[in-house]
Every structure is written in C-alpha cells, then in structure tokens.
PDB file of N, CA and C in Angstrom:
ATOM      1  N   MET A   1       9.032  14.513   4.210  1.00  0.00           N
ATOM      2  CA  MET A   1       9.095  14.538   2.657  1.00  0.00           C
ATOM      3  C   MET A   1       8.163  15.722   2.355  1.00  0.00           C
ATOM      4  N   LYS A   2       8.676  16.635   1.583  1.00  0.00           N
ATOM      5  CA  LYS A   2       7.902  17.821   1.117  1.00  0.00           C
ATOM      6  C   LYS A   2       7.456  17.534  -0.351  1.00  0.00           C
ATOM      7  N   LEU A   3       6.326  17.251  -0.591  1.00  0.00           N
ATOM      8  CA  LEU A   3       5.896  16.963  -2.023  1.00  0.00           C
ATOM      9  C   LEU A   3       6.233  18.034  -2.924  1.00  0.00           C
ATOM     10  N   SER A   4       6.231  19.249  -2.614  1.00  0.00           N
ATOM     11  CA  SER A   4       6.408  20.242  -3.492  1.00  0.00           C
ATOM     12  C   SER A   4       7.764  20.282  -4.180  1.00  0.00           C
ATOM     13  N   THR A   5       8.688  19.687  -3.456  1.00  0.00           N
ATOM     14  CA  THR A   5       9.973  19.426  -4.116  1.00  0.00           C
ATOM     15  C   THR A   5      10.044  18.200  -5.097  1.00  0.00           C
ATOM     16  N   GLN A   6       8.992  17.327  -5.057  1.00  0.00           N
ATOM     17  CA  GLN A   6       8.893  16.192  -5.876  1.00  0.00           C
ATOM     18  C   GLN A   6       7.977  16.228  -7.026  1.00  0.00           C
ATOM     19  N   ILE A   7       7.801  17.344  -7.634  1.00  0.00           N
ATOM     20  CA  ILE A   7       6.948  17.648  -8.728  1.00  0.00           C
ATOM     21  C   ILE A   7       7.751  17.961  -9.940  1.00  0.00           C
ATOM     22  N   ARG A   8       7.507  17.339 -11.011  1.00  0.00           N
ATOM     23  CA  ARG A   8       8.252  17.560 -12.279  1.00  0.00           C
ATOM     24  C   ARG A   8       7.372  17.396 -13.498  1.00  0.00           C
ATOM     25  N   PRO A   9       7.635  18.258 -14.469  1.00  0.00           N
ATOM     26  CA  PRO A   9       6.745  18.050 -15.768  1.00  0.00           C
ATOM     27  C   PRO A   9       6.997  16.794 -16.427  1.00  0.00           C
ATOM     28  N   ILE A  10       6.180  16.267 -17.355  1.00  0.00           N
ATOM     29  CA  ILE A  10       6.364  15.035 -18.176  1.00  0.00           C
ATOM     30  C   ILE A  10       7.755  15.181 -19.059  1.00  0.00           C
ATOM     31  N   SER A  11       8.017  16.280 -19.411  1.00  0.00           N
ATOM     32  CA  SER A  11       9.144  16.576 -20.218  1.00  0.00           C
ATOM     33  C   SER A  11      10.407  16.177 -19.398  1.00  0.00           C
ATOM     34  N   TYR A  12      10.364  16.482 -18.136  1.00  0.00           N
ATOM     35  CA  TYR A  12      11.558  16.086 -17.414  1.00  0.00           C
ATOM     36  C   TYR A  12      11.711  14.648 -17.252  1.00  0.00           C
ATOM     37  N   LEU A  13      10.667  13.902 -17.139  1.00  0.00           N
ATOM     38  CA  LEU A  13      10.545  12.361 -17.088  1.00  0.00           C
ATOM     39  C   LEU A  13      11.184  11.862 -18.298  1.00  0.00           C
ATOM     40  N   LYS A  14      10.751  12.346 -19.411  1.00  0.00           N
ATOM     41  CA  LYS A  14      11.245  11.960 -20.777  1.00  0.00           C
ATOM     42  C   LYS A  14      12.697  12.087 -20.895  1.00  0.00           C
ATOM     43  N   ALA A  15      13.225  13.171 -20.384  1.00  0.00           N
ATOM     44  CA  ALA A  15      14.625  13.581 -20.617  1.00  0.00           C
ATOM     45  C   ALA A  15      15.618  12.932 -19.555  1.00  0.00           C
ATOM     46  N   HIS A  16      14.992  12.529 -18.379  1.00  0.00           N
ATOM     47  CA  HIS A  16      15.876  12.018 -17.221  1.00  0.00           C
ATOM     48  C   HIS A  16      15.437  10.715 -16.623  1.00  0.00           C
ATOM     49  N   ALA A  17      14.796   9.941 -17.439  1.00  0.00           N
ATOM     50  CA  ALA A  17      14.226   8.630 -17.014  1.00  0.00           C
ATOM     51  C   ALA A  17      15.360   7.733 -16.104  1.00  0.00           C
ATOM     52  N   ALA A  18      16.391   7.627 -16.704  1.00  0.00           N
ATOM     53  CA  ALA A  18      17.307   6.778 -15.904  1.00  0.00           C
ATOM     54  C   ALA A  18      17.776   7.416 -14.622  1.00  0.00           C
ATOM     55  N   GLU A  19      17.993   8.715 -14.719  1.00  0.00           N
ATOM     56  CA  GLU A  19      18.250   9.320 -13.291  1.00  0.00           C
ATOM     57  C   GLU A  19      17.160   9.336 -12.302  1.00  0.00           C
ATOM     58  N   ILE A  20      15.944   9.417 -12.858  1.00  0.00           N
ATOM     59  CA  ILE A  20      14.706   9.421 -11.963  1.00  0.00           C
ATOM     60  C   ILE A  20      14.620   7.976 -11.317  1.00  0.00           C
ATOM     61  N   VAL A  21      14.798   6.974 -12.221  1.00  0.00           N
ATOM     62  CA  VAL A  21      14.751   5.578 -11.572  1.00  0.00           C
ATOM     63  C   VAL A  21      15.758   5.339 -10.325  1.00  0.00           C
ATOM     64  N   ARG A  22      16.960   5.891 -10.793  1.00  0.00           N
ATOM     65  CA  ARG A  22      17.992   5.763  -9.671  1.00  0.00           C
ATOM     66  C   ARG A  22      17.638   6.464  -8.506  1.00  0.00           C
ATOM     67  N   ARG A  23      17.176   7.727  -8.595  1.00  0.00           N
ATOM     68  CA  ARG A  23      16.836   8.531  -7.338  1.00  0.00           C
ATOM     69  C   ARG A  23      15.720   7.915  -6.670  1.00  0.00           C
ATOM     70  N   LEU A  24      14.754   7.468  -7.237  1.00  0.00           N
ATOM     71  CA  LEU A  24      13.587   6.877  -6.603  1.00  0.00           C
ATOM     72  C   LEU A  24      14.028   5.685  -5.817  1.00  0.00           C
ATOM     73  N   ALA A  25      14.879   4.867  -6.241  1.00  0.00           N
ATOM     74  CA  ALA A  25      15.327   3.629  -5.601  1.00  0.00           C
ATOM     75  C   ALA A  25      16.265   4.085  -4.383  1.00  0.00           C
ATOM     76  N   GLU A  26      16.869   5.094  -4.508  1.00  0.00           N
ATOM     77  CA  GLU A  26      17.723   5.608  -3.442  1.00  0.00           C
ATOM     78  C   GLU A  26      17.027   6.407  -2.216  1.00  0.00           C
ATOM     79  N   GLN A  27      16.237   7.296  -2.694  1.00  0.00           N
ATOM     80  CA  GLN A  27      15.646   8.054  -1.755  1.00  0.00           C
ATOM     81  C   GLN A  27      14.235   7.500  -1.288  1.00  0.00           C
ATOM     82  N   ARG A  28      13.657   6.721  -2.081  1.00  0.00           N
ATOM     83  CA  ARG A  28      12.375   6.107  -1.748  1.00  0.00           C
ATOM     84  C   ARG A  28      11.285   7.122  -1.461  1.00  0.00           C
ATOM     85  N   GLU A  29      11.291   8.214  -2.209  1.00  0.00           N
ATOM     86  CA  GLU A  29      10.376   9.300  -2.305  1.00  0.00           C
ATOM     87  C   GLU A  29       9.433   9.300  -3.518  1.00  0.00           C
ATOM     88  N   PRO A  30       8.201   9.462  -3.585  1.00  0.00           N
ATOM     89  CA  PRO A  30       7.534   9.400  -4.865  1.00  0.00           C
ATOM     90  C   PRO A  30       7.830  10.737  -5.643  1.00  0.00           C
ATOM     91  N   LEU A  31       7.533  10.502  -6.936  1.00  0.00           N
ATOM     92  CA  LEU A  31       7.670  11.718  -7.809  1.00  0.00           C
ATOM     93  C   LEU A  31       6.441  12.019  -8.643  1.00  0.00           C
ATOM     94  N   ILE A  32       6.045  13.291  -8.494  1.00  0.00           N
ATOM     95  CA  ILE A  32       4.674  13.535  -9.013  1.00  0.00           C
ATOM     96  C   ILE A  32       4.968  14.096 -10.463  1.00  0.00           C
ATOM     97  N   ILE A  33       4.371  13.687 -11.537  1.00  0.00           N
ATOM     98  CA  ILE A  33       4.525  14.087 -12.750  1.00  0.00           C
ATOM     99  C   ILE A  33       3.322  14.861 -13.327  1.00  0.00           C
ATOM    100  N   THR A  34       3.578  16.002 -13.806  1.00  0.00           N
ATOM    101  CA  THR A  34       2.471  16.781 -14.308  1.00  0.00           C
ATOM    102  C   THR A  34       2.519  16.823 -15.784  1.00  0.00           C
ATOM    103  N   GLN A  35       1.254  17.259 -16.359  1.00  0.00           N
ATOM    104  CA  GLN A  35       1.047  17.363 -17.823  1.00  0.00           C
ATOM    105  C   GLN A  35       0.160  18.532 -17.957  1.00  0.00           C
ATOM    106  N   ASN A  36       0.594  19.491 -18.634  1.00  0.00           N
ATOM    107  CA  ASN A  36      -0.137  20.749 -18.901  1.00  0.00           C
ATOM    108  C   ASN A  36      -0.506  21.380 -17.580  1.00  0.00           C
ATOM    109  N   GLY A  37       0.570  21.303 -16.648  1.00  0.00           N
ATOM    110  CA  GLY A  37       0.306  21.958 -15.396  1.00  0.00           C
ATOM    111  C   GLY A  37      -0.606  21.280 -14.242  1.00  0.00           C
ATOM    112  N   GLU A  38      -1.007  20.178 -14.694  1.00  0.00           N
ATOM    113  CA  GLU A  38      -1.861  19.367 -13.767  1.00  0.00           C
ATOM    114  C   GLU A  38      -1.169  18.059 -13.329  1.00  0.00           C
ATOM    115  N   ALA A  39      -1.178  17.692 -11.976  1.00  0.00           N
ATOM    116  CA  ALA A  39      -0.825  16.465 -11.575  1.00  0.00           C
ATOM    117  C   ALA A  39      -1.380  15.373 -12.215  1.00  0.00           C
ATOM    118  N   LYS A  40      -0.756  14.328 -12.805  1.00  0.00           N
ATOM    119  CA  LYS A  40      -1.228  13.270 -13.634  1.00  0.00           C
ATOM    120  C   LYS A  40      -0.960  11.881 -13.060  1.00  0.00           C
ATOM    121  N   VAL A  41       0.296  11.665 -12.691  1.00  0.00           N
ATOM    122  CA  VAL A  41       0.781  10.370 -12.097  1.00  0.00           C
ATOM    123  C   VAL A  41       1.759  10.595 -10.975  1.00  0.00           C
ATOM    124  N   VAL A  42       1.767   9.435 -10.239  1.00  0.00           N
ATOM    125  CA  VAL A  42       2.802   9.435  -9.146  1.00  0.00           C
ATOM    126  C   VAL A  42       3.673   8.154  -9.482  1.00  0.00           C
ATOM    127  N   ILE A  43       4.928   8.380  -9.434  1.00  0.00           N
ATOM    128  CA  ILE A  43       5.899   7.406  -9.612  1.00  0.00           C
ATOM    129  C   ILE A  43       6.643   6.997  -8.278  1.00  0.00           C
ATOM    130  N   GLN A  44       6.819   5.686  -8.062  1.00  0.00           N
ATOM    131  CA  GLN A  44       7.587   5.348  -6.738  1.00  0.00           C
ATOM    132  C   GLN A  44       8.408   4.106  -7.079  1.00  0.00           C
ATOM    133  N   ASP A  45       9.361   3.822  -6.236  1.00  0.00           N
ATOM    134  CA  ASP A  45      10.137   2.682  -6.314  1.00  0.00           C
ATOM    135  C   ASP A  45       9.430   1.478  -5.882  1.00  0.00           C
ATOM    136  N   ILE A  46       9.701   0.416  -6.363  1.00  0.00           N
ATOM    137  CA  ILE A  46       9.006  -0.941  -6.276  1.00  0.00           C
ATOM    138  C   ILE A  46       8.783  -1.387  -4.826  1.00  0.00           C
ATOM    139  N   GLU A  47       9.868  -1.229  -3.878  1.00  0.00           N
ATOM    140  CA  GLU A  47       9.705  -1.495  -2.473  1.00  0.00           C
ATOM    141  C   GLU A  47       8.647  -0.718  -1.826  1.00  0.00           C
ATOM    142  N   SER A  48       8.645   0.643  -2.112  1.00  0.00           N
ATOM    143  CA  SER A  48       7.697   1.403  -1.507  1.00  0.00           C
ATOM    144  C   SER A  48       6.306   1.076  -1.849  1.00  0.00           C
ATOM    145  N   TYR A  49       6.169   0.771  -3.346  1.00  0.00           N
ATOM    146  CA  TYR A  49       4.869   0.328  -3.819  1.00  0.00           C
ATOM    147  C   TYR A  49       4.382  -0.974  -3.081  1.00  0.00           C
ATOM    148  N   GLU A  50       5.371  -1.999  -3.009  1.00  0.00           N
ATOM    149  CA  GLU A  50       4.873  -3.122  -2.356  1.00  0.00           C
ATOM    150  C   GLU A  50       4.597  -2.905  -0.819  1.00  0.00           C
ATOM    151  N   GLN A  51       5.193  -2.136  -0.255  1.00  0.00           N
ATOM    152  CA  GLN A  51       4.909  -1.880   1.193  1.00  0.00           C
ATOM    153  C   GLN A  51       3.573  -1.079   1.258  1.00  0.00           C
ATOM    154  N   THR A  52       3.220  -0.267   0.335  1.00  0.00           N
ATOM    155  CA  THR A  52       1.984   0.482   0.333  1.00  0.00           C
ATOM    156  C   THR A  52       0.840  -0.594   0.095  1.00  0.00           C
ATOM    157  N   GLN A  53       1.072  -1.553  -0.868  1.00  0.00           N
ATOM    158  CA  GLN A  53       0.072  -2.514  -1.092  1.00  0.00           C
ATOM    159  C   GLN A  53      -0.172  -3.379   0.033  1.00  0.00           C
ATOM    160  N   GLN A  54       0.906  -3.892   0.797  1.00  0.00           N
ATOM    161  CA  GLN A  54       0.771  -4.555   2.125  1.00  0.00           C
ATOM    162  C   GLN A  54       0.069  -3.897   3.159  1.00  0.00           C
ATOM    163  N   THR A  55       0.260  -2.610   3.201  1.00  0.00           N
ATOM    164  CA  THR A  55      -0.407  -1.831   4.268  1.00  0.00           C
ATOM    165  C   THR A  55      -1.937  -1.688   3.961  1.00  0.00           C
ATOM    166  N   MET A  56      -2.260  -1.533   2.691  1.00  0.00           N
ATOM    167  CA  MET A  56      -3.518  -1.386   2.162  1.00  0.00           C
ATOM    168  C   MET A  56      -4.301  -2.759   2.436  1.00  0.00           C
ATOM    169  N   ALA A  57      -3.659  -3.838   2.251  1.00  0.00           N
ATOM    170  CA  ALA A  57      -4.257  -5.172   2.442  1.00  0.00           C
ATOM    171  C   ALA A  57      -4.587  -5.480   3.945  1.00  0.00           C
ATOM    172  N   LEU A  58      -3.608  -5.004   4.716  1.00  0.00           N
ATOM    173  CA  LEU A  58      -3.805  -5.098   6.213  1.00  0.00           C
ATOM    174  C   LEU A  58      -5.026  -4.134   6.738  1.00  0.00           C
ATOM    175  N   LEU A  59      -5.067  -2.989   6.015  1.00  0.00           N
ATOM    176  CA  LEU A  59      -6.159  -2.087   6.522  1.00  0.00           C
ATOM    177  C   LEU A  59      -7.464  -2.542   6.067  1.00  0.00           C
ATOM    178  N   LYS A  60      -7.618  -3.197   4.850  1.00  0.00           N
ATOM    179  CA  LYS A  60      -8.837  -3.910   4.496  1.00  0.00           C
ATOM    180  C   LYS A  60      -9.203  -4.895   5.330  1.00  0.00           C
ATOM    181  N   ILE A  61      -8.248  -5.945   5.899  1.00  0.00           N
ATOM    182  CA  ILE A  61      -8.555  -6.924   6.714  1.00  0.00           C
ATOM    183  C   ILE A  61      -9.144  -6.333   8.027  1.00  0.00           C
ATOM    184  N   LEU A  62      -8.452  -5.264   8.633  1.00  0.00           N
ATOM    185  CA  LEU A  62      -8.950  -4.604   9.860  1.00  0.00           C
ATOM    186  C   LEU A  62     -10.273  -4.028   9.744  1.00  0.00           C
ATOM    187  N   ALA A  63     -10.582  -3.297   8.516  1.00  0.00           N
ATOM    188  CA  ALA A  63     -11.982  -2.951   8.214  1.00  0.00           C
ATOM    189  C   ALA A  63     -13.007  -3.832   8.287  1.00  0.00           C
ATOM    190  N   LEU A  64     -12.561  -4.921   7.689  1.00  0.00           N
ATOM    191  CA  LEU A  64     -13.492  -6.145   7.618  1.00  0.00           C
ATOM    192  C   LEU A  64     -13.736  -6.692   8.956  1.00  0.00           C
ATOM    193  N   GLY A  65     -12.785  -6.806   9.702  1.00  0.00           N
ATOM    194  CA  GLY A  65     -12.887  -7.304  11.129  1.00  0.00           C
ATOM    195  C   GLY A  65     -13.752  -6.347  12.036  1.00  0.00           C
ATOM    196  N   MET A  66     -13.488  -5.166  11.813  1.00  0.00           N
ATOM    197  CA  MET A  66     -14.366  -3.946  12.542  1.00  0.00           C
ATOM    198  C   MET A  66     -15.812  -4.138  12.150  1.00  0.00           C
ATOM    199  N   ARG A  67     -16.101  -4.314  10.840  1.00  0.00           N
ATOM    200  CA  ARG A  67     -17.382  -4.434  10.353  1.00  0.00           C
ATOM    201  C   ARG A  67     -18.072  -5.683  10.950  1.00  0.00           C
ATOM    202  N   GLN A  68     -17.403  -6.833  11.017  1.00  0.00           N
ATOM    203  CA  GLN A  68     -17.936  -7.998  11.619  1.00  0.00           C
ATOM    204  C   GLN A  68     -18.250  -7.850  13.090  1.00  0.00           C
ATOM    205  N   ILE A  69     -17.392  -7.187  13.849  1.00  0.00           N
ATOM    206  CA  ILE A  69     -17.806  -6.879  15.198  1.00  0.00           C
ATOM    207  C   ILE A  69     -18.984  -5.928  15.305  1.00  0.00           C
ATOM    208  N   GLU A  70     -19.032  -4.909  14.579  1.00  0.00           N
ATOM    209  CA  GLU A  70     -20.297  -4.066  14.570  1.00  0.00           C
ATOM    210  C   GLU A  70     -21.443  -4.786  14.224  1.00  0.00           C
ATOM    211  N   GLU A  71     -21.407  -5.792  13.337  1.00  0.00           N
ATOM    212  CA  GLU A  71     -22.572  -6.606  12.997  1.00  0.00           C
ATOM    213  C   GLU A  71     -22.849  -7.738  13.961  1.00  0.00           C
ATOM    214  N   GLY A  72     -21.974  -7.999  15.080  1.00  0.00           N
ATOM    215  CA  GLY A  72     -22.201  -9.006  15.996  1.00  0.00           C
ATOM    216  C   GLY A  72     -21.821 -10.342  15.364  1.00  0.00           C
ATOM    217  N   ARG A  73     -21.084 -10.454  14.287  1.00  0.00           N
ATOM    218  CA  ARG A  73     -20.551 -11.680  13.827  1.00  0.00           C
ATOM    219  C   ARG A  73     -19.288 -12.171  14.415  1.00  0.00           C
ATOM    220  N   VAL A  74     -19.280 -12.433  15.694  1.00  0.00           N
ATOM    221  CA  VAL A  74     -18.125 -12.818  16.321  1.00  0.00           C
ATOM    222  C   VAL A  74     -18.317 -14.054  17.189  1.00  0.00           C
ATOM    223  N   LEU A  75     -17.374 -14.679  17.545  1.00  0.00           N
ATOM    224  CA  LEU A  75     -17.405 -15.959  18.350  1.00  0.00           C
ATOM    225  C   LEU A  75     -16.492 -15.732  19.598  1.00  0.00           C
ATOM    226  N   PRO A  76     -16.790 -16.402  20.721  1.00  0.00           N
ATOM    227  CA  PRO A  76     -15.845 -16.340  21.821  1.00  0.00           C
ATOM    228  C   PRO A  76     -14.605 -17.080  21.492  1.00  0.00           C
ATOM    229  N   ALA A  77     -13.562 -16.604  21.846  1.00  0.00           N
ATOM    230  CA  ALA A  77     -12.118 -17.095  21.524  1.00  0.00           C
ATOM    231  C   ALA A  77     -12.141 -18.714  21.998  1.00  0.00           C
ATOM    232  N   ARG A  78     -12.730 -19.003  23.113  1.00  0.00           N
ATOM    233  CA  ARG A  78     -12.531 -20.474  23.548  1.00  0.00           C
ATOM    234  C   ARG A  78     -13.386 -21.328  22.451  1.00  0.00           C
ATOM    235  N   ASP A  79     -14.378 -20.848  21.841  1.00  0.00           N
ATOM    236  CA  ASP A  79     -15.108 -21.633  20.801  1.00  0.00           C
ATOM    237  C   ASP A  79     -14.207 -21.813  19.577  1.00  0.00           C
ATOM    238  N   VAL A  80     -13.458 -20.735  19.258  1.00  0.00           N
ATOM    239  CA  VAL A  80     -12.657 -20.769  17.984  1.00  0.00           C
ATOM    240  C   VAL A  80     -11.605 -21.742  18.194  1.00  0.00           C
ATOM    241  N   ILE A  81     -11.010 -21.662  19.353  1.00  0.00           N
ATOM    242  CA  ILE A  81      -9.803 -22.696  19.712  1.00  0.00           C
ATOM    243  C   ILE A  81     -10.271 -24.032  19.775  1.00  0.00           C
ATOM    244  N   LYS A  82     -11.467 -24.302  20.236  1.00  0.00           N
ATOM    245  CA  LYS A  82     -12.062 -25.634  20.181  1.00  0.00           C
ATOM    246  C   LYS A  82     -12.173 -26.116  18.767  1.00  0.00           C
ATOM    247  N   ARG A  83     -12.797 -25.311  18.070  1.00  0.00           N
ATOM    248  CA  ARG A  83     -13.010 -25.601  16.513  1.00  0.00           C
ATOM    249  C   ARG A  83     -11.599 -25.882  15.919  1.00  0.00           C
ATOM    250  N   LEU A  84     -10.678 -25.138  16.057  1.00  0.00           N
ATOM    251  CA  LEU A  84      -9.417 -25.302  15.377  1.00  0.00           C
ATOM    252  C   LEU A  84      -8.695 -26.677  15.903  1.00  0.00           C
ATOM    253  N   ARG A  85      -8.858 -26.930  17.236  1.00  0.00           N
ATOM    254  CA  ARG A  85      -8.362 -28.175  17.662  1.00  0.00           C
ATOM    255  C   ARG A  85      -8.924 -29.368  17.171  1.00  0.00           C
ATOM    256  N   LYS A  86     -10.170 -29.282  16.996  1.00  0.00           N
ATOM    257  CA  LYS A  86     -11.034 -30.349  16.403  1.00  0.00           C
ATOM    258  C   LYS A  86     -10.721 -30.601  15.086  1.00  0.00           C
ATOM    259  N   HIS A  87     -10.545 -29.519  14.350  1.00  0.00           N
ATOM    260  CA  HIS A  87     -10.281 -29.487  12.784  1.00  0.00           C
ATOM    261  C   HIS A  87      -8.800 -30.311  12.737  1.00  0.00           C
ATOM    262  N   LYS A  88      -7.844 -29.881  13.607  1.00  0.00           N
ATOM    263  CA  LYS A  88      -6.531 -30.403  13.630  1.00  0.00           C
ATOM    264  C   LYS A  88      -6.554 -31.984  13.888  1.00  0.00           C
ATOM    265  N   GLU A  89      -7.341 -32.361  14.731  1.00  0.00           N
ATOM    266  CA  GLU A  89      -7.525 -33.768  14.986  1.00  0.00           C
ATOM    267  C   GLU A  89      -7.988 -34.525  13.844  1.00  0.00           C
ATOM    268  N   VAL A  90      -8.791 -33.954  13.121  1.00  0.00           N
ATOM    269  CA  VAL A  90      -9.526 -34.721  11.872  1.00  0.00           C
ATOM    270  C   VAL A  90      -8.470 -34.983  10.911  1.00  0.00           C
ATOM    271  N   GLN A  91      -7.428 -33.938  10.637  1.00  0.00           N
ATOM    272  CA  GLN A  91      -6.545 -34.042   9.638  1.00  0.00           C
ATOM    273  C   GLN A  91      -5.498 -35.124   9.893  1.00  0.00           C
TER     274      GLN A  91
END
C-alpha cells in the first residue's frame, strides 16, 4: 500500500462520501484526509479498525508480560498448574 495515493482533501470527502465508504470496504486501505494542506484524519473500514484494535490489545498484553518477566514477577509453570487444578477442584 502506497499512502501517497490514499491522500485526499476534505472537500473530496464531502463530495464523495458514499464512494469513499464503498472503496474503503472493498480495498481495506486507509484514506488520509487533509485540511488546509495538512493531514488531519485517517479513515478506515470497520474490519481493519477492529483488527488494529485487537492487535493493539495483544501487544499491550505482551508488553505487560515482558515487564513482569523483567521485574521477576513470574512463577514456575508447575506451580501455576497446581494452583489452577486446586482452584478447579474447589469449584
């Protein structure tokens, strides 16, 4: 994807909204909207947005896990498994 082909002024968005929505859904490439020559917003289809949000959530979980490892806040797997089994028996 070449972003330079996906840049349009806000006037284009106003005049071609329905076409833009259709194209975003088909091509799944973001569209950058400019105002007064400056990039102001990025528009993308809902599926791409949801995928981006899921990716961000996974990256946050990974970063949290890495931080916990660096801080030494970890347990051996066997201890965790024992704890889970014990918890399951209680329920």
